[in-house]
Amino acid sequence: MKYMLLIYIDEQVLSETTREACYAESVQLTHQIKSRGQYLAANPLHPTSTATSVRVRNGTPLVTDGPFAETREQLGGYFLIDAKDRDEAIGIAARIPGARLGTVEIRPVMEIAGLPTD
């Protein structure tokens, strides 16, 4: 089953040194889970200051700068994995450096028929 691991961190408290260390450790983790056939994708996201939110109301797109909501932690990146079950996904999530600095949300991915595949 596919799982999306969403990494939430307070981007204001991360130093550049800590951020780079997280990236390096995350790269190592991706190689480890790839060797087990569990890696599908992973990437950090640019800061929320670069975000754009789009809402369509009455057929009109409303575009605003920034994230949808102000929160203590911001979505900082993701891993998309293939795990046999929730427990295996938890094990991988616990190894993500962001789990030590923030929160990793685990969400099963819904499979919808008709979507393009690789």
N, C-alpha and C. Protein backbone atom coordinates (compact mmCIF):
# COMPACT_ATOMS: atom_id res chain seq x y z
N MET A 1 0.85 -1.18 0.00
CA MET A 1 0.00 0.00 0.00
C MET A 1 0.89 1.24 0.00
N LYS A 2 0.45 2.27 -0.70
CA LYS A 2 1.19 3.52 -0.73
C LYS A 2 0.77 4.39 0.45
N TYR A 3 1.79 5.07 1.02
CA TYR A 3 1.57 6.00 2.11
C TYR A 3 2.29 7.30 1.80
N MET A 4 1.63 8.41 2.11
CA MET A 4 2.25 9.72 2.02
C MET A 4 2.66 10.11 3.43
N LEU A 5 3.93 10.41 3.59
CA LEU A 5 4.46 10.84 4.88
C LEU A 5 4.72 12.34 4.76
N LEU A 6 3.90 13.13 5.42
CA LEU A 6 3.96 14.59 5.33
C LEU A 6 4.74 15.13 6.52
N ILE A 7 5.78 15.89 6.25
CA ILE A 7 6.68 16.36 7.29
C ILE A 7 6.35 17.81 7.64
N TYR A 8 5.96 18.03 8.90
CA TYR A 8 5.62 19.37 9.38
C TYR A 8 6.67 19.82 10.38
N ILE A 9 7.24 21.00 10.12
CA ILE A 9 8.29 21.56 10.97
C ILE A 9 8.06 23.06 11.08
N ASP A 10 8.43 23.63 12.20
CA ASP A 10 8.41 25.08 12.34
C ASP A 10 9.62 25.62 11.57
N GLU A 11 9.38 26.10 10.36
CA GLU A 11 10.48 26.50 9.49
C GLU A 11 11.25 27.71 10.03
N GLN A 12 10.69 28.43 10.97
CA GLN A 12 11.37 29.61 11.53
C GLN A 12 12.49 29.23 12.51
N VAL A 13 12.44 28.03 13.07
CA VAL A 13 13.42 27.68 14.09
C VAL A 13 14.58 26.83 13.55
N LEU A 14 14.51 26.43 12.29
CA LEU A 14 15.59 25.61 11.72
C LEU A 14 16.73 26.49 11.23
N SER A 15 17.93 26.21 11.73
CA SER A 15 19.10 26.90 11.20
C SER A 15 19.46 26.27 9.86
N GLU A 16 20.24 26.96 9.07
CA GLU A 16 20.65 26.42 7.77
C GLU A 16 21.48 25.16 7.96
N THR A 17 22.29 25.11 9.01
CA THR A 17 23.11 23.94 9.30
C THR A 17 22.22 22.73 9.63
N THR A 18 21.22 22.95 10.46
CA THR A 18 20.29 21.87 10.82
C THR A 18 19.51 21.40 9.60
N ARG A 19 19.07 22.34 8.79
CA ARG A 19 18.32 22.01 7.57
C ARG A 19 19.16 21.15 6.63
N GLU A 20 20.41 21.54 6.41
CA GLU A 20 21.30 20.78 5.52
C GLU A 20 21.58 19.38 6.08
N ALA A 21 21.73 19.28 7.39
CA ALA A 21 21.94 17.97 8.02
C ALA A 21 20.72 17.08 7.84
N CYS A 22 19.52 17.66 7.95
CA CYS A 22 18.28 16.90 7.72
C CYS A 22 18.22 16.40 6.28
N TYR A 23 18.58 17.26 5.34
CA TYR A 23 18.57 16.86 3.93
C TYR A 23 19.53 15.70 3.70
N ALA A 24 20.74 15.80 4.24
CA ALA A 24 21.73 14.74 4.05
C ALA A 24 21.25 13.42 4.64
N GLU A 25 20.68 13.47 5.84
CA GLU A 25 20.18 12.26 6.48
C GLU A 25 18.98 11.69 5.72
N SER A 26 18.16 12.57 5.19
CA SER A 26 17.00 12.13 4.41
C SER A 26 17.43 11.43 3.12
N VAL A 27 18.49 11.93 2.49
CA VAL A 27 19.01 11.28 1.28
C VAL A 27 19.48 9.86 1.61
N GLN A 28 20.17 9.71 2.73
CA GLN A 28 20.60 8.37 3.15
C GLN A 28 19.40 7.46 3.36
N LEU A 29 18.37 7.98 4.02
CA LEU A 29 17.17 7.19 4.27
C LEU A 29 16.52 6.76 2.96
N THR A 30 16.45 7.68 1.99
CA THR A 30 15.82 7.32 0.71
C THR A 30 16.56 6.18 0.04
N HIS A 31 17.88 6.17 0.12
CA HIS A 31 18.65 5.07 -0.47
C HIS A 31 18.39 3.75 0.25
N GLN A 32 18.24 3.81 1.57
CA GLN A 32 17.95 2.60 2.35
C GLN A 32 16.59 2.03 1.99
N ILE A 33 15.56 2.88 1.93
CA ILE A 33 14.23 2.35 1.64
C ILE A 33 14.08 1.99 0.17
N LYS A 34 14.86 2.63 -0.71
CA LYS A 34 14.85 2.25 -2.13
C LYS A 34 15.40 0.84 -2.29
N SER A 35 16.44 0.51 -1.54
CA SER A 35 17.03 -0.83 -1.64
C SER A 35 16.05 -1.91 -1.19
N ARG A 36 15.02 -1.53 -0.43
CA ARG A 36 13.99 -2.47 0.03
C ARG A 36 12.73 -2.39 -0.84
N GLY A 37 12.77 -1.57 -1.90
CA GLY A 37 11.62 -1.45 -2.78
C GLY A 37 10.49 -0.62 -2.22
N GLN A 38 10.77 0.21 -1.22
CA GLN A 38 9.72 0.99 -0.57
C GLN A 38 9.69 2.45 -1.01
N TYR A 39 10.73 2.93 -1.63
CA TYR A 39 10.83 4.35 -2.02
C TYR A 39 10.07 4.61 -3.31
N LEU A 40 9.22 5.63 -3.29
CA LEU A 40 8.52 6.07 -4.50
C LEU A 40 8.91 7.50 -4.86
N ALA A 41 9.00 8.40 -3.86
CA ALA A 41 9.39 9.79 -4.10
C ALA A 41 9.62 10.48 -2.76
N ALA A 42 10.38 11.56 -2.80
CA ALA A 42 10.60 12.40 -1.61
C ALA A 42 11.20 13.72 -2.05
N ASN A 43 10.78 14.79 -1.40
CA ASN A 43 11.34 16.10 -1.67
C ASN A 43 11.02 17.06 -0.54
N PRO A 44 11.96 17.96 -0.24
CA PRO A 44 11.61 19.07 0.65
C PRO A 44 10.85 20.11 -0.16
N LEU A 45 10.15 20.98 0.52
CA LEU A 45 9.43 22.07 -0.13
C LEU A 45 10.10 23.40 0.20
N HIS A 46 9.98 24.35 -0.70
CA HIS A 46 10.46 25.70 -0.41
C HIS A 46 9.63 26.26 0.74
N PRO A 47 10.11 27.31 1.41
CA PRO A 47 9.38 27.88 2.56
C PRO A 47 7.97 28.36 2.19
N THR A 48 7.13 28.46 3.19
CA THR A 48 5.75 28.89 2.96
C THR A 48 5.66 30.29 2.37
N SER A 49 6.71 31.08 2.52
CA SER A 49 6.70 32.42 1.93
C SER A 49 6.63 32.36 0.40
N THR A 50 6.95 31.21 -0.18
CA THR A 50 6.88 31.05 -1.64
C THR A 50 5.57 30.41 -2.09
N ALA A 51 4.71 30.08 -1.14
CA ALA A 51 3.46 29.37 -1.45
C ALA A 51 2.42 30.29 -2.09
N THR A 52 1.57 29.69 -2.87
CA THR A 52 0.40 30.37 -3.45
C THR A 52 -0.80 29.47 -3.21
N SER A 53 -1.89 30.03 -2.74
CA SER A 53 -3.11 29.26 -2.50
C SER A 53 -4.17 29.66 -3.53
N VAL A 54 -4.88 28.68 -4.05
CA VAL A 54 -5.93 28.92 -5.03
C VAL A 54 -7.23 28.32 -4.51
N ARG A 55 -8.28 29.11 -4.52
CA ARG A 55 -9.62 28.65 -4.18
C ARG A 55 -10.53 29.10 -5.32
N VAL A 56 -11.44 28.26 -5.72
CA VAL A 56 -12.40 28.65 -6.75
C VAL A 56 -13.75 28.81 -6.07
N ARG A 57 -14.32 29.99 -6.17
CA ARG A 57 -15.63 30.29 -5.60
C ARG A 57 -16.51 30.88 -6.69
N ASN A 58 -17.66 30.27 -6.87
CA ASN A 58 -18.59 30.72 -7.92
C ASN A 58 -17.92 30.78 -9.29
N GLY A 59 -17.03 29.80 -9.54
CA GLY A 59 -16.37 29.72 -10.83
C GLY A 59 -15.21 30.66 -11.02
N THR A 60 -14.87 31.45 -10.00
CA THR A 60 -13.77 32.41 -10.11
C THR A 60 -12.61 31.98 -9.22
N PRO A 61 -11.40 31.84 -9.80
CA PRO A 61 -10.24 31.52 -8.97
C PRO A 61 -9.85 32.70 -8.10
N LEU A 62 -9.64 32.43 -6.82
CA LEU A 62 -9.14 33.43 -5.88
C LEU A 62 -7.72 33.01 -5.52
N VAL A 63 -6.76 33.83 -5.86
CA VAL A 63 -5.34 33.50 -5.66
C VAL A 63 -4.78 34.40 -4.58
N THR A 64 -4.13 33.78 -3.57
CA THR A 64 -3.50 34.54 -2.50
C THR A 64 -2.10 34.01 -2.27
N ASP A 65 -1.21 34.87 -1.84
CA ASP A 65 0.14 34.45 -1.49
C ASP A 65 0.12 33.78 -0.13
N GLY A 66 0.96 32.78 0.01
CA GLY A 66 1.11 32.11 1.29
C GLY A 66 0.25 30.88 1.43
N PRO A 67 0.44 30.19 2.54
CA PRO A 67 -0.32 28.96 2.80
C PRO A 67 -1.77 29.27 3.16
N PHE A 68 -2.58 28.24 3.17
CA PHE A 68 -4.00 28.39 3.46
C PHE A 68 -4.24 28.87 4.89
N ALA A 69 -3.47 28.33 5.83
CA ALA A 69 -3.70 28.66 7.24
C ALA A 69 -2.39 28.96 7.95
N GLU A 70 -2.45 29.83 8.92
CA GLU A 70 -1.29 30.08 9.78
C GLU A 70 -1.25 29.00 10.84
N THR A 71 -0.13 28.30 10.93
CA THR A 71 0.02 27.23 11.90
C THR A 71 1.38 27.30 12.57
N ARG A 72 1.52 26.59 13.66
CA ARG A 72 2.79 26.55 14.37
C ARG A 72 3.84 25.78 13.56
N GLU A 73 3.41 24.72 12.88
CA GLU A 73 4.31 23.94 12.03
C GLU A 73 3.81 24.03 10.59
N GLN A 74 4.74 24.04 9.64
CA GLN A 74 4.39 24.16 8.24
C GLN A 74 4.80 22.88 7.50
N LEU A 75 4.10 22.59 6.42
CA LEU A 75 4.46 21.45 5.59
C LEU A 75 5.80 21.73 4.95
N GLY A 76 6.79 20.91 5.29
CA GLY A 76 8.16 21.16 4.83
C GLY A 76 8.65 20.18 3.79
N GLY A 77 7.94 19.07 3.62
CA GLY A 77 8.37 18.07 2.64
C GLY A 77 7.55 16.82 2.77
N TYR A 78 7.92 15.82 1.97
CA TYR A 78 7.16 14.58 1.97
C TYR A 78 8.01 13.40 1.53
N PHE A 79 7.57 12.24 1.90
CA PHE A 79 8.05 10.97 1.36
C PHE A 79 6.81 10.25 0.85
N LEU A 80 6.89 9.65 -0.30
CA LEU A 80 5.85 8.75 -0.80
C LEU A 80 6.48 7.37 -0.80
N ILE A 81 5.88 6.46 -0.04
CA ILE A 81 6.48 5.13 0.14
C ILE A 81 5.48 4.03 -0.18
N ASP A 82 6.00 2.84 -0.32
CA ASP A 82 5.19 1.64 -0.47
C ASP A 82 5.52 0.76 0.73
N ALA A 83 4.55 0.54 1.59
CA ALA A 83 4.75 -0.26 2.80
C ALA A 83 3.67 -1.32 2.89
N LYS A 84 3.99 -2.42 3.53
CA LYS A 84 3.02 -3.52 3.61
C LYS A 84 1.83 -3.17 4.50
N ASP A 85 2.06 -2.28 5.51
CA ASP A 85 0.97 -1.90 6.39
C ASP A 85 1.34 -0.62 7.15
N ARG A 86 0.41 -0.17 7.96
CA ARG A 86 0.60 1.07 8.73
C ARG A 86 1.81 0.98 9.65
N ASP A 87 2.01 -0.16 10.28
CA ASP A 87 3.14 -0.31 11.20
C ASP A 87 4.48 -0.13 10.47
N GLU A 88 4.58 -0.68 9.27
CA GLU A 88 5.81 -0.51 8.50
C GLU A 88 5.98 0.97 8.12
N ALA A 89 4.89 1.64 7.76
CA ALA A 89 4.95 3.07 7.44
C ALA A 89 5.39 3.88 8.66
N ILE A 90 4.90 3.52 9.83
CA ILE A 90 5.31 4.20 11.07
C ILE A 90 6.80 4.02 11.29
N GLY A 91 7.31 2.83 11.05
CA GLY A 91 8.73 2.57 11.22
C GLY A 91 9.59 3.46 10.33
N ILE A 92 9.15 3.65 9.09
CA ILE A 92 9.89 4.54 8.18
C ILE A 92 9.74 5.99 8.62
N ALA A 93 8.52 6.40 8.96
CA ALA A 93 8.28 7.78 9.40
C ALA A 93 9.15 8.14 10.60
N ALA A 94 9.33 7.21 11.50
CA ALA A 94 10.12 7.46 12.71
C ALA A 94 11.59 7.69 12.39
N ARG A 95 12.04 7.26 11.22
CA ARG A 95 13.44 7.43 10.82
C ARG A 95 13.69 8.73 10.05
N ILE A 96 12.63 9.45 9.71
CA ILE A 96 12.77 10.72 9.00
C ILE A 96 13.27 11.76 9.99
N PRO A 97 14.34 12.50 9.65
CA PRO A 97 14.88 13.49 10.59
C PRO A 97 13.83 14.49 11.08
N GLY A 98 12.90 14.86 10.23
CA GLY A 98 11.86 15.80 10.62
C GLY A 98 10.99 15.32 11.76
N ALA A 99 10.93 14.01 11.98
CA ALA A 99 10.14 13.47 13.09
C ALA A 99 10.74 13.87 14.44
N ARG A 100 12.05 14.10 14.47
CA ARG A 100 12.71 14.52 15.70
C ARG A 100 12.55 16.01 15.95
N LEU A 101 12.25 16.76 14.89
CA LEU A 101 12.16 18.22 15.00
C LEU A 101 10.74 18.73 14.90
N GLY A 102 9.84 17.92 14.40
CA GLY A 102 8.45 18.33 14.19
C GLY A 102 7.54 17.11 14.23
N THR A 103 6.69 17.00 13.23
CA THR A 103 5.69 15.94 13.17
C THR A 103 5.67 15.34 11.77
N VAL A 104 5.54 14.02 11.69
CA VAL A 104 5.33 13.36 10.40
C VAL A 104 3.93 12.75 10.42
N GLU A 105 3.09 13.23 9.51
CA GLU A 105 1.73 12.71 9.38
C GLU A 105 1.75 11.60 8.33
N ILE A 106 1.14 10.47 8.66
CA ILE A 106 1.08 9.32 7.76
C ILE A 106 -0.33 9.22 7.21
N ARG A 107 -0.44 9.22 5.87
CA ARG A 107 -1.75 9.12 5.24
C ARG A 107 -1.71 8.05 4.17
N PRO A 108 -2.61 7.05 4.24
CA PRO A 108 -2.71 6.08 3.15
C PRO A 108 -3.15 6.80 1.88
N VAL A 109 -2.58 6.40 0.76
CA VAL A 109 -2.93 7.00 -0.54
C VAL A 109 -4.06 6.19 -1.16
N MET A 110 -5.09 6.88 -1.59
CA MET A 110 -6.21 6.21 -2.26
C MET A 110 -5.83 5.95 -3.71
N GLU A 111 -6.15 4.77 -4.19
CA GLU A 111 -5.92 4.41 -5.60
C GLU A 111 -7.22 4.70 -6.34
N ILE A 112 -7.14 5.51 -7.40
CA ILE A 112 -8.32 5.84 -8.19
C ILE A 112 -8.10 5.29 -9.60
N ALA A 113 -9.04 4.51 -10.07
CA ALA A 113 -8.94 3.92 -11.41
C ALA A 113 -8.93 5.02 -12.46
N GLY A 114 -8.15 4.80 -13.50
CA GLY A 114 -8.11 5.72 -14.62
C GLY A 114 -7.00 6.76 -14.57
N LEU A 115 -6.29 6.87 -13.42
CA LEU A 115 -5.20 7.81 -13.36
C LEU A 115 -4.02 7.28 -14.18
N PRO A 116 -3.22 8.18 -14.78
CA PRO A 116 -2.05 7.70 -15.54
C PRO A 116 -1.06 7.01 -14.60
N THR A 117 -0.35 6.07 -15.13
CA THR A 117 0.71 5.38 -14.37
C THR A 117 2.04 5.65 -15.05
N ASP A 118 3.11 5.27 -14.39
CA ASP A 118 4.45 5.49 -14.94
C ASP A 118 4.60 4.89 -16.28
